[in-house]
């Protein structure tokens, strides 16, 4: 598992939303680094609901995901 289940901290997220909104909602709900860290590694996609977020977190298996569009050539 790639981290703690973030869904309890995302009840106020306004779906569909991207990584920034997920981080905002989780931080506002008092999530710690064990939740915010994995959320911060998610692709900057839109997520339809908390279950979709959890699936994305689990698929990362703790490996950092890089936004290749921002990497230098």
C-alpha atoms as a PDB file:
ATOM      1  CA  UNK A   1       0.000   0.000   0.000  1.00  0.00           C
ATOM      2  CA  UNK A   2       1.346   3.422  -0.916  1.00  0.00           C
ATOM      3  CA  UNK A   3       0.178   5.269   2.162  1.00  0.00           C
ATOM      4  CA  UNK A   4      -2.774   5.876   4.395  1.00  0.00           C
ATOM      5  CA  UNK A   5      -6.252   5.920   2.861  1.00  0.00           C
ATOM      6  CA  UNK A   6      -6.895   9.602   2.015  1.00  0.00           C
ATOM      7  CA  UNK A   7     -10.681   9.292   1.551  1.00  0.00           C
ATOM      8  CA  UNK A   8     -11.634  10.307   5.117  1.00  0.00           C
ATOM      9  CA  UNK A   9      -9.712  13.561   4.570  1.00  0.00           C
ATOM     10  CA  UNK A  10     -11.312  14.289   1.197  1.00  0.00           C
ATOM     11  CA  UNK A  11     -14.980  14.594   2.176  1.00  0.00           C
ATOM     12  CA  UNK A  12     -14.928  18.349   1.458  1.00  0.00           C
ATOM     13  CA  UNK A  13     -13.120  18.053  -1.889  1.00  0.00           C
ATOM     14  CA  UNK A  14     -15.111  19.489  -4.772  1.00  0.00           C
ATOM     15  CA  UNK A  15     -15.069  16.705  -7.390  1.00  0.00           C
ATOM     16  CA  UNK A  16     -14.081  16.412 -10.117  1.00  0.00           C
ATOM     17  CA  UNK A  17     -10.817  17.962  -9.059  1.00  0.00           C
ATOM     18  CA  UNK A  18      -7.094  17.858  -9.542  1.00  0.00           C
ATOM     19  CA  UNK A  19      -4.160  17.265  -7.239  1.00  0.00           C
ATOM     20  CA  UNK A  20      -4.177  20.841  -5.888  1.00  0.00           C
ATOM     21  CA  UNK A  21      -7.758  20.612  -4.656  1.00  0.00           C
ATOM     22  CA  UNK A  22      -7.079  17.187  -3.150  1.00  0.00           C
ATOM     23  CA  UNK A  23      -4.108  18.560  -1.233  1.00  0.00           C
ATOM     24  CA  UNK A  24      -6.091  21.600  -0.090  1.00  0.00           C
ATOM     25  CA  UNK A  25      -9.032  19.531   1.131  1.00  0.00           C
ATOM     26  CA  UNK A  26      -6.826  16.980   2.894  1.00  0.00           C
ATOM     27  CA  UNK A  27      -4.711  19.643   4.600  1.00  0.00           C
ATOM     28  CA  UNK A  28      -7.824  21.525   5.725  1.00  0.00           C
ATOM     29  CA  UNK A  29      -9.146  18.276   7.216  1.00  0.00           C
ATOM     30  CA  UNK A  30      -5.946  17.823   9.217  1.00  0.00           C
ATOM     31  CA  UNK A  31      -4.211  15.164   7.138  1.00  0.00           C
ATOM     32  CA  UNK A  32      -0.598  14.442   8.003  1.00  0.00           C
ATOM     33  CA  UNK A  33       2.393  13.758   5.800  1.00  0.00           C
ATOM     34  CA  UNK A  34       1.385  10.089   5.500  1.00  0.00           C
ATOM     35  CA  UNK A  35      -1.646  11.266   3.489  1.00  0.00           C
ATOM     36  CA  UNK A  36      -0.364  14.484   1.898  1.00  0.00           C
ATOM     37  CA  UNK A  37       2.865  12.886   0.633  1.00  0.00           C
ATOM     38  CA  UNK A  38       1.189  10.265  -1.560  1.00  0.00           C
ATOM     39  CA  UNK A  39      -1.409  12.793  -2.769  1.00  0.00           C
ATOM     40  CA  UNK A  40       1.404  15.102  -3.817  1.00  0.00           C
ATOM     41  CA  UNK A  41       2.885  12.403  -6.056  1.00  0.00           C
ATOM     42  CA  UNK A  42      -0.315  11.872  -8.043  1.00  0.00           C
ATOM     43  CA  UNK A  43      -0.493  12.938 -11.678  1.00  0.00           C
ATOM     44  CA  UNK A  44      -2.158  16.319 -12.173  1.00  0.00           C
ATOM     45  CA  UNK A  45      -5.255  14.619 -13.607  1.00  0.00           C
ATOM     46  CA  UNK A  46      -8.856  15.236 -12.600  1.00  0.00           C
ATOM     47  CA  UNK A  47     -10.278  12.711 -10.149  1.00  0.00           C
ATOM     48  CA  UNK A  48     -14.005  11.936 -10.143  1.00  0.00           C
ATOM     49  CA  UNK A  49     -14.268  10.834  -6.511  1.00  0.00           C
ATOM     50  CA  UNK A  50     -12.417   9.561  -3.471  1.00  0.00           C
ATOM     51  CA  UNK A  51     -12.374   5.999  -4.744  1.00  0.00           C
ATOM     52  CA  UNK A  52     -10.567   7.134  -7.890  1.00  0.00           C
ATOM     53  CA  UNK A  53      -8.027   8.946  -5.744  1.00  0.00           C
ATOM     54  CA  UNK A  54      -7.462   5.849  -3.619  1.00  0.00           C
ATOM     55  CA  UNK A  55      -6.958   3.701  -6.735  1.00  0.00           C
ATOM     56  CA  UNK A  56      -4.401   6.192  -8.039  1.00  0.00           C
ATOM     57  CA  UNK A  57      -2.560   6.274  -4.705  1.00  0.00           C
ATOM     58  CA  UNK A  58      -2.448   2.463  -4.562  1.00  0.00           C
ATOM     59  CA  UNK A  59      -1.207   2.182  -8.145  1.00  0.00           C
ATOM     60  CA  UNK A  60       1.785   4.376  -7.313  1.00  0.00           C
ATOM     61  CA  UNK A  61       3.108   1.820  -4.803  1.00  0.00           C
ATOM     62  CA  UNK A  62       5.057   4.621  -3.153  1.00  0.00           C
ATOM     63  CA  UNK A  63       7.062   5.362  -6.291  1.00  0.00           C
ATOM     64  CA  UNK A  64       7.337   9.049  -7.132  1.00  0.00           C
ATOM     65  CA  UNK A  65       5.560  10.128 -10.283  1.00  0.00           C
ATOM     66  CA  UNK A  66       7.294  12.793 -12.330  1.00  0.00           C
ATOM     67  CA  UNK A  67       5.571  15.349 -14.488  1.00  0.00           C
ATOM     68  CA  UNK A  68       7.710  14.850 -17.583  1.00  0.00           C
ATOM     69  CA  UNK A  69       6.419  18.069 -19.128  1.00  0.00           C
ATOM     70  CA  UNK A  70       8.339  20.003 -16.471  1.00  0.00           C
ATOM     71  CA  UNK A  71      11.588  18.040 -16.680  1.00  0.00           C
ATOM     72  CA  UNK A  72      14.516  19.622 -18.449  1.00  0.00           C
ATOM     73  CA  UNK A  73      15.639  17.864 -21.647  1.00  0.00           C
END
